[in-house]
């Protein structure tokens, strides 16, 4: 009987630790369930940072705050999960992950989608207008059609769908835009001619821009008679 009592006393001493381990194990199971979507969130975080870099998001104070808050929350969650060794610490880490980090991700995701819409409008609307102009005046018409096509696709690339897909689409469109602009520079040239053509596309050209170089270019491309003059 005495031996049994000693054994029982030993078990009672170990019971709190065993219960704590069981609770930690249960909490760990819950945590694994909560973290099941972690890869998706990591991909989302990477997409946010990629799109921010691609579109120069972070130039203004508000934008810097969005990215700064997201990075701070991500580092905080990573540290909390890595160092958690008790049920309470793990519970707090998961709460941090499910609350603060997800909120920061949602806010940054929304801001980046809105920013891309603005960037797309700024970059692709002028491209479409310039392409339409080149086709109408019969100068580099094939280039003009391709510029129009890229411009239309850029303007149609709204912020719908998963963010990684938006990043891939944005990167491809911006690369195509850059290639077309380089081709335009080689075809049309810079200087007065380039400035005049760009101003025409943006509906701000005037007679003062028709310098001798511009007139010579228009004559060379048989485009003089494709323009009319009217007062504002």
C-alpha atoms as a PDB file:
ATOM      1  CA  UNK A   1       0.000   0.000   0.000  1.00  0.00           C
ATOM      2  CA  UNK A   2       2.813   2.367   0.898  1.00  0.00           C
ATOM      3  CA  UNK A   3       4.447   1.780  -2.485  1.00  0.00           C
ATOM      4  CA  UNK A   4       1.143   2.558  -4.215  1.00  0.00           C
ATOM      5  CA  UNK A   5       0.812   5.818  -2.257  1.00  0.00           C
ATOM      6  CA  UNK A   6       4.317   6.875  -3.234  1.00  0.00           C
ATOM      7  CA  UNK A   7       3.577   6.126  -6.869  1.00  0.00           C
ATOM      8  CA  UNK A   8       0.286   8.032  -6.674  1.00  0.00           C
ATOM      9  CA  UNK A   9       2.008  11.016  -5.097  1.00  0.00           C
ATOM     10  CA  UNK A  10       4.520  10.989  -7.936  1.00  0.00           C
ATOM     11  CA  UNK A  11       1.729  10.920 -10.515  1.00  0.00           C
ATOM     12  CA  UNK A  12      -0.059  13.794  -8.789  1.00  0.00           C
ATOM     13  CA  UNK A  13       3.143  15.861  -8.983  1.00  0.00           C
ATOM     14  CA  UNK A  14       3.391  15.217 -12.733  1.00  0.00           C
ATOM     15  CA  UNK A  15      -0.319  15.745 -13.434  1.00  0.00           C
ATOM     16  CA  UNK A  16      -0.234  19.554 -13.849  1.00  0.00           C
ATOM     17  CA  UNK A  17       2.627  19.262 -16.335  1.00  0.00           C
ATOM     18  CA  UNK A  18       0.781  16.518 -18.228  1.00  0.00           C
ATOM     19  CA  UNK A  19      -2.399  18.593 -18.345  1.00  0.00           C
ATOM     20  CA  UNK A  20      -0.392  21.580 -19.570  1.00  0.00           C
ATOM     21  CA  UNK A  21       1.176  19.459 -22.306  1.00  0.00           C
ATOM     22  CA  UNK A  22      -2.249  18.174 -23.344  1.00  0.00           C
ATOM     23  CA  UNK A  23      -3.644  21.695 -23.454  1.00  0.00           C
ATOM     24  CA  UNK A  24      -0.633  22.836 -25.439  1.00  0.00           C
ATOM     25  CA  UNK A  25      -1.149  19.903 -27.787  1.00  0.00           C
ATOM     26  CA  UNK A  26      -4.822  20.802 -28.241  1.00  0.00           C
ATOM     27  CA  UNK A  27      -3.896  24.415 -28.809  1.00  0.00           C
ATOM     28  CA  UNK A  28      -1.232  23.297 -31.278  1.00  0.00           C
ATOM     29  CA  UNK A  29      -3.851  21.336 -33.225  1.00  0.00           C
ATOM     30  CA  UNK A  30      -6.073  24.407 -33.321  1.00  0.00           C
ATOM     31  CA  UNK A  31      -3.092  26.498 -34.373  1.00  0.00           C
ATOM     32  CA  UNK A  32      -2.272  24.182 -37.246  1.00  0.00           C
ATOM     33  CA  UNK A  33      -5.849  24.522 -38.432  1.00  0.00           C
ATOM     34  CA  UNK A  34      -5.660  28.310 -38.133  1.00  0.00           C
ATOM     35  CA  UNK A  35      -2.335  28.378 -39.979  1.00  0.00           C
ATOM     36  CA  UNK A  36      -3.530  26.103 -42.766  1.00  0.00           C
ATOM     37  CA  UNK A  37      -4.031  29.175 -44.995  1.00  0.00           C
ATOM     38  CA  UNK A  38      -0.633  30.634 -44.057  1.00  0.00           C
ATOM     39  CA  UNK A  39       0.884  29.859 -47.483  1.00  0.00           C
ATOM     40  CA  UNK A  40      -1.919  31.802 -49.127  1.00  0.00           C
ATOM     41  CA  UNK A  41      -1.307  34.754 -46.819  1.00  0.00           C
ATOM     42  CA  UNK A  42       2.438  34.618 -47.460  1.00  0.00           C
ATOM     43  CA  UNK A  43       1.797  34.637 -51.221  1.00  0.00           C
ATOM     44  CA  UNK A  44      -0.539  37.580 -50.710  1.00  0.00           C
ATOM     45  CA  UNK A  45       2.116  39.427 -48.694  1.00  0.00           C
ATOM     46  CA  UNK A  46       4.752  38.810 -51.368  1.00  0.00           C
ATOM     47  CA  UNK A  47       2.336  39.999 -54.071  1.00  0.00           C
ATOM     48  CA  UNK A  48       1.664  43.208 -52.150  1.00  0.00           C
ATOM     49  CA  UNK A  49       5.372  43.945 -51.847  1.00  0.00           C
ATOM     50  CA  UNK A  50       5.984  43.031 -55.514  1.00  0.00           C
ATOM     51  CA  UNK A  51       3.199  45.294 -56.769  1.00  0.00           C
ATOM     52  CA  UNK A  52       4.354  48.103 -54.482  1.00  0.00           C
ATOM     53  CA  UNK A  53       7.850  47.863 -55.959  1.00  0.00           C
ATOM     54  CA  UNK A  54       6.553  47.543 -59.529  1.00  0.00           C
ATOM     55  CA  UNK A  55       4.289  50.594 -59.307  1.00  0.00           C
ATOM     56  CA  UNK A  56       6.446  52.710 -56.962  1.00  0.00           C
ATOM     57  CA  UNK A  57       3.834  52.519 -54.225  1.00  0.00           C
ATOM     58  CA  UNK A  58       5.226  54.111 -51.101  1.00  0.00           C
ATOM     59  CA  UNK A  59       6.165  57.511 -52.485  1.00  0.00           C
ATOM     60  CA  UNK A  60       3.677  59.378 -50.295  1.00  0.00           C
ATOM     61  CA  UNK A  61       3.523  59.418 -46.515  1.00  0.00           C
ATOM     62  CA  UNK A  62       0.235  57.520 -46.404  1.00  0.00           C
ATOM     63  CA  UNK A  63       1.547  54.813 -48.713  1.00  0.00           C
ATOM     64  CA  UNK A  64       4.730  54.445 -46.667  1.00  0.00           C
ATOM     65  CA  UNK A  65       2.596  54.008 -43.566  1.00  0.00           C
ATOM     66  CA  UNK A  66       0.602  51.202 -45.222  1.00  0.00           C
ATOM     67  CA  UNK A  67       3.736  49.250 -46.168  1.00  0.00           C
ATOM     68  CA  UNK A  68       5.469  50.034 -42.879  1.00  0.00           C
ATOM     69  CA  UNK A  69       2.515  48.789 -40.821  1.00  0.00           C
ATOM     70  CA  UNK A  70       2.273  45.601 -42.866  1.00  0.00           C
ATOM     71  CA  UNK A  71       5.973  44.808 -42.452  1.00  0.00           C
ATOM     72  CA  UNK A  72       5.805  45.505 -38.720  1.00  0.00           C
ATOM     73  CA  UNK A  73       2.820  43.185 -38.248  1.00  0.00           C
ATOM     74  CA  UNK A  74       4.395  40.433 -40.354  1.00  0.00           C
ATOM     75  CA  UNK A  75       7.644  40.512 -38.391  1.00  0.00           C
ATOM     76  CA  UNK A  76       5.700  40.605 -35.135  1.00  0.00           C
ATOM     77  CA  UNK A  77       3.617  37.540 -35.998  1.00  0.00           C
ATOM     78  CA  UNK A  78       6.643  35.623 -37.263  1.00  0.00           C
ATOM     79  CA  UNK A  79       8.536  36.314 -34.040  1.00  0.00           C
ATOM     80  CA  UNK A  80       5.551  35.421 -31.828  1.00  0.00           C
ATOM     81  CA  UNK A  81       4.965  32.103 -33.604  1.00  0.00           C
ATOM     82  CA  UNK A  82       8.635  31.201 -33.620  1.00  0.00           C
ATOM     83  CA  UNK A  83       9.196  31.831 -29.912  1.00  0.00           C
ATOM     84  CA  UNK A  84       5.874  30.524 -28.503  1.00  0.00           C
ATOM     85  CA  UNK A  85       6.558  27.728 -25.985  1.00  0.00           C
ATOM     86  CA  UNK A  86       3.453  27.747 -23.779  1.00  0.00           C
ATOM     87  CA  UNK A  87      -0.250  27.470 -24.428  1.00  0.00           C
ATOM     88  CA  UNK A  88      -0.770  31.119 -23.587  1.00  0.00           C
ATOM     89  CA  UNK A  89       2.043  32.326 -25.849  1.00  0.00           C
ATOM     90  CA  UNK A  90       0.798  30.194 -28.712  1.00  0.00           C
ATOM     91  CA  UNK A  91      -2.766  31.397 -28.172  1.00  0.00           C
ATOM     92  CA  UNK A  92      -1.580  35.016 -28.244  1.00  0.00           C
ATOM     93  CA  UNK A  93       0.507  34.403 -31.378  1.00  0.00           C
ATOM     94  CA  UNK A  94      -2.433  32.876 -33.236  1.00  0.00           C
ATOM     95  CA  UNK A  95      -4.685  35.712 -32.101  1.00  0.00           C
ATOM     96  CA  UNK A  96      -2.071  38.161 -33.401  1.00  0.00           C
ATOM     97  CA  UNK A  97      -1.947  36.304 -36.724  1.00  0.00           C
ATOM     98  CA  UNK A  98      -5.726  36.088 -37.131  1.00  0.00           C
ATOM     99  CA  UNK A  99      -6.325  39.678 -36.056  1.00  0.00           C
ATOM    100  CA  UNK A 100      -3.606  42.263 -36.607  1.00  0.00           C
ATOM    101  CA  UNK A 101      -1.786  40.671 -39.538  1.00  0.00           C
ATOM    102  CA  UNK A 102      -4.922  39.823 -41.499  1.00  0.00           C
ATOM    103  CA  UNK A 103      -6.252  43.349 -40.977  1.00  0.00           C
ATOM    104  CA  UNK A 104      -2.950  44.844 -42.173  1.00  0.00           C
ATOM    105  CA  UNK A 105      -2.957  42.525 -45.211  1.00  0.00           C
ATOM    106  CA  UNK A 106      -6.519  43.461 -46.107  1.00  0.00           C
ATOM    107  CA  UNK A 107      -5.748  47.179 -45.849  1.00  0.00           C
ATOM    108  CA  UNK A 108      -2.589  46.949 -47.929  1.00  0.00           C
ATOM    109  CA  UNK A 109      -4.294  44.716 -50.501  1.00  0.00           C
ATOM    110  CA  UNK A 110      -7.081  47.262 -50.986  1.00  0.00           C
ATOM    111  CA  UNK A 111      -4.635  50.185 -51.226  1.00  0.00           C
ATOM    112  CA  UNK A 112      -2.475  48.413 -53.832  1.00  0.00           C
ATOM    113  CA  UNK A 113      -5.479  47.501 -55.989  1.00  0.00           C
ATOM    114  CA  UNK A 114      -6.652  51.111 -56.006  1.00  0.00           C
ATOM    115  CA  UNK A 115      -3.122  52.286 -56.757  1.00  0.00           C
ATOM    116  CA  UNK A 116      -2.810  49.925 -59.725  1.00  0.00           C
ATOM    117  CA  UNK A 117      -6.083  51.224 -61.173  1.00  0.00           C
ATOM    118  CA  UNK A 118      -4.693  54.764 -60.962  1.00  0.00           C
ATOM    119  CA  UNK A 119      -1.322  53.789 -62.451  1.00  0.00           C
ATOM    120  CA  UNK A 120      -2.996  51.903 -65.298  1.00  0.00           C
ATOM    121  CA  UNK A 121      -5.143  54.911 -66.173  1.00  0.00           C
ATOM    122  CA  UNK A 122      -2.138  57.278 -66.120  1.00  0.00           C
ATOM    123  CA  UNK A 123       0.083  55.062 -68.251  1.00  0.00           C
ATOM    124  CA  UNK A 124      -2.227  53.329 -70.702  1.00  0.00           C
ATOM    125  CA  UNK A 125      -4.776  56.011 -71.616  1.00  0.00           C
ATOM    126  CA  UNK A 126      -2.110  58.261 -73.239  1.00  0.00           C
ATOM    127  CA  UNK A 127      -0.659  55.195 -74.991  1.00  0.00           C
ATOM    128  CA  UNK A 128      -4.050  54.359 -76.491  1.00  0.00           C
ATOM    129  CA  UNK A 129      -4.617  57.953 -77.599  1.00  0.00           C
ATOM    130  CA  UNK A 130      -1.191  58.182 -79.195  1.00  0.00           C
ATOM    131  CA  UNK A 131      -1.727  54.878 -81.001  1.00  0.00           C
ATOM    132  CA  UNK A 132      -5.056  56.112 -82.342  1.00  0.00           C
ATOM    133  CA  UNK A 133      -3.406  59.324 -83.546  1.00  0.00           C
ATOM    134  CA  UNK A 134      -0.585  57.535 -85.361  1.00  0.00           C
ATOM    135  CA  UNK A 135      -3.039  55.288 -87.138  1.00  0.00           C
ATOM    136  CA  UNK A 136      -5.297  58.179 -88.139  1.00  0.00           C
ATOM    137  CA  UNK A 137      -2.506  60.309 -89.613  1.00  0.00           C
ATOM    138  CA  UNK A 138      -1.031  57.293 -91.372  1.00  0.00           C
ATOM    139  CA  UNK A 139       2.351  57.470 -89.648  1.00  0.00           C
ATOM    140  CA  UNK A 140       3.634  54.182 -88.193  1.00  0.00           C
ATOM    141  CA  UNK A 141       0.092  52.843 -88.430  1.00  0.00           C
ATOM    142  CA  UNK A 142       1.046  49.306 -87.378  1.00  0.00           C
ATOM    143  CA  UNK A 143       2.788  50.631 -84.305  1.00  0.00           C
ATOM    144  CA  UNK A 144      -0.258  52.782 -83.630  1.00  0.00           C
ATOM    145  CA  UNK A 145      -2.565  49.779 -83.713  1.00  0.00           C
ATOM    146  CA  UNK A 146      -0.345  47.839 -81.327  1.00  0.00           C
ATOM    147  CA  UNK A 147      -0.202  50.813 -78.976  1.00  0.00           C
ATOM    148  CA  UNK A 148      -3.983  51.047 -79.026  1.00  0.00           C
ATOM    149  CA  UNK A 149      -4.299  47.352 -78.262  1.00  0.00           C
ATOM    150  CA  UNK A 150      -1.878  47.526 -75.342  1.00  0.00           C
ATOM    151  CA  UNK A 151      -3.582  50.660 -74.046  1.00  0.00           C
ATOM    152  CA  UNK A 152      -7.007  49.036 -74.121  1.00  0.00           C
ATOM    153  CA  UNK A 153      -5.758  45.939 -72.309  1.00  0.00           C
ATOM    154  CA  UNK A 154      -4.004  48.080 -69.744  1.00  0.00           C
ATOM    155  CA  UNK A 155      -7.131  50.091 -69.027  1.00  0.00           C
ATOM    156  CA  UNK A 156      -9.174  46.886 -68.830  1.00  0.00           C
ATOM    157  CA  UNK A 157      -6.775  45.272 -66.367  1.00  0.00           C
ATOM    158  CA  UNK A 158      -8.872  46.139 -63.345  1.00  0.00           C
ATOM    159  CA  UNK A 159      -8.102  45.139 -59.781  1.00  0.00           C
ATOM    160  CA  UNK A 160     -10.277  42.011 -59.751  1.00  0.00           C
ATOM    161  CA  UNK A 161      -8.945  38.542 -58.983  1.00  0.00           C
ATOM    162  CA  UNK A 162      -6.173  37.257 -56.706  1.00  0.00           C
ATOM    163  CA  UNK A 163      -3.396  39.766 -56.137  1.00  0.00           C
ATOM    164  CA  UNK A 164      -0.592  37.494 -57.462  1.00  0.00           C
ATOM    165  CA  UNK A 165      -2.454  37.353 -60.792  1.00  0.00           C
ATOM    166  CA  UNK A 166      -2.757  41.142 -60.835  1.00  0.00           C
ATOM    167  CA  UNK A 167       0.998  41.426 -60.250  1.00  0.00           C
ATOM    168  CA  UNK A 168       1.781  39.072 -63.145  1.00  0.00           C
ATOM    169  CA  UNK A 169      -0.614  40.941 -65.422  1.00  0.00           C
ATOM    170  CA  UNK A 170       0.747  44.344 -64.404  1.00  0.00           C
ATOM    171  CA  UNK A 171       4.358  43.263 -64.925  1.00  0.00           C
ATOM    172  CA  UNK A 172       3.627  41.934 -68.421  1.00  0.00           C
ATOM    173  CA  UNK A 173       1.671  45.040 -69.442  1.00  0.00           C
ATOM    174  CA  UNK A 174       4.298  47.473 -68.146  1.00  0.00           C
ATOM    175  CA  UNK A 175       7.023  45.542 -69.949  1.00  0.00           C
ATOM    176  CA  UNK A 176       5.023  45.695 -73.191  1.00  0.00           C
ATOM    177  CA  UNK A 177       4.398  49.409 -72.658  1.00  0.00           C
ATOM    178  CA  UNK A 178       8.120  50.080 -72.244  1.00  0.00           C
ATOM    179  CA  UNK A 179       8.943  48.156 -75.424  1.00  0.00           C
ATOM    180  CA  UNK A 180       6.331  50.097 -77.400  1.00  0.00           C
ATOM    181  CA  UNK A 181       7.603  53.426 -76.071  1.00  0.00           C
ATOM    182  CA  UNK A 182      11.140  52.534 -77.121  1.00  0.00           C
ATOM    183  CA  UNK A 183       9.885  51.610 -80.579  1.00  0.00           C
ATOM    184  CA  UNK A 184       7.962  54.875 -80.739  1.00  0.00           C
ATOM    185  CA  UNK A 185      11.103  56.816 -79.848  1.00  0.00           C
ATOM    186  CA  UNK A 186      13.049  55.059 -82.621  1.00  0.00           C
ATOM    187  CA  UNK A 187      10.256  55.522 -85.159  1.00  0.00           C
ATOM    188  CA  UNK A 188       9.158  59.060 -84.417  1.00  0.00           C
ATOM    189  CA  UNK A 189      12.191  60.460 -82.652  1.00  0.00           C
ATOM    190  CA  UNK A 190      12.519  62.776 -79.693  1.00  0.00           C
ATOM    191  CA  UNK A 191      13.009  66.527 -79.649  1.00  0.00           C
ATOM    192  CA  UNK A 192      10.395  68.780 -81.203  1.00  0.00           C
ATOM    193  CA  UNK A 193       8.766  65.991 -83.228  1.00  0.00           C
ATOM    194  CA  UNK A 194       8.305  63.736 -80.228  1.00  0.00           C
ATOM    195  CA  UNK A 195       6.940  66.586 -78.113  1.00  0.00           C
ATOM    196  CA  UNK A 196       4.525  67.588 -80.867  1.00  0.00           C
ATOM    197  CA  UNK A 197       3.197  64.066 -81.354  1.00  0.00           C
ATOM    198  CA  UNK A 198       2.734  63.549 -77.620  1.00  0.00           C
ATOM    199  CA  UNK A 199       0.967  66.911 -77.318  1.00  0.00           C
ATOM    200  CA  UNK A 200      -1.340  65.970 -80.193  1.00  0.00           C
ATOM    201  CA  UNK A 201      -2.285  62.733 -78.490  1.00  0.00           C
ATOM    202  CA  UNK A 202      -3.085  64.629 -75.284  1.00  0.00           C
ATOM    203  CA  UNK A 203      -5.059  67.367 -77.148  1.00  0.00           C
ATOM    204  CA  UNK A 204      -2.759  70.191 -76.064  1.00  0.00           C
ATOM    205  CA  UNK A 205      -0.819  70.862 -79.287  1.00  0.00           C
ATOM    206  CA  UNK A 206      -0.705  74.372 -80.753  1.00  0.00           C
ATOM    207  CA  UNK A 207       0.844  76.095 -83.787  1.00  0.00           C
ATOM    208  CA  UNK A 208       3.827  77.242 -81.755  1.00  0.00           C
ATOM    209  CA  UNK A 209       4.916  73.621 -81.582  1.00  0.00           C
ATOM    210  CA  UNK A 210       5.099  73.323 -85.383  1.00  0.00           C
ATOM    211  CA  UNK A 211       8.794  74.089 -85.605  1.00  0.00           C
ATOM    212  CA  UNK A 212      10.807  73.622 -88.827  1.00  0.00           C
ATOM    213  CA  UNK A 213      11.745  70.119 -87.670  1.00  0.00           C
ATOM    214  CA  UNK A 214       8.114  69.246 -87.032  1.00  0.00           C
ATOM    215  CA  UNK A 215       6.994  70.651 -90.403  1.00  0.00           C
ATOM    216  CA  UNK A 216       9.750  68.745 -92.170  1.00  0.00           C
ATOM    217  CA  UNK A 217       8.694  65.535 -90.431  1.00  0.00           C
ATOM    218  CA  UNK A 218       5.036  66.063 -91.356  1.00  0.00           C
ATOM    219  CA  UNK A 219       6.008  66.788 -94.970  1.00  0.00           C
ATOM    220  CA  UNK A 220       8.229  63.731 -95.136  1.00  0.00           C
ATOM    221  CA  UNK A 221       5.369  61.548 -93.897  1.00  0.00           C
ATOM    222  CA  UNK A 222       2.809  63.274 -96.166  1.00  0.00           C
ATOM    223  CA  UNK A 223       0.779  64.209 -93.085  1.00  0.00           C
ATOM    224  CA  UNK A 224       0.406  68.003 -93.505  1.00  0.00           C
ATOM    225  CA  UNK A 225      -2.985  67.753 -95.151  1.00  0.00           C
ATOM    226  CA  UNK A 226      -4.270  65.482 -92.412  1.00  0.00           C
ATOM    227  CA  UNK A 227      -4.414  68.408 -89.975  1.00  0.00           C
ATOM    228  CA  UNK A 228      -6.732  71.387 -89.745  1.00  0.00           C
ATOM    229  CA  UNK A 229      -6.354  74.618 -87.799  1.00  0.00           C
ATOM    230  CA  UNK A 230      -9.065  76.055 -85.547  1.00  0.00           C
ATOM    231  CA  UNK A 231      -9.013  78.682 -82.772  1.00  0.00           C
ATOM    232  CA  UNK A 232      -9.679  77.625 -79.199  1.00  0.00           C
END
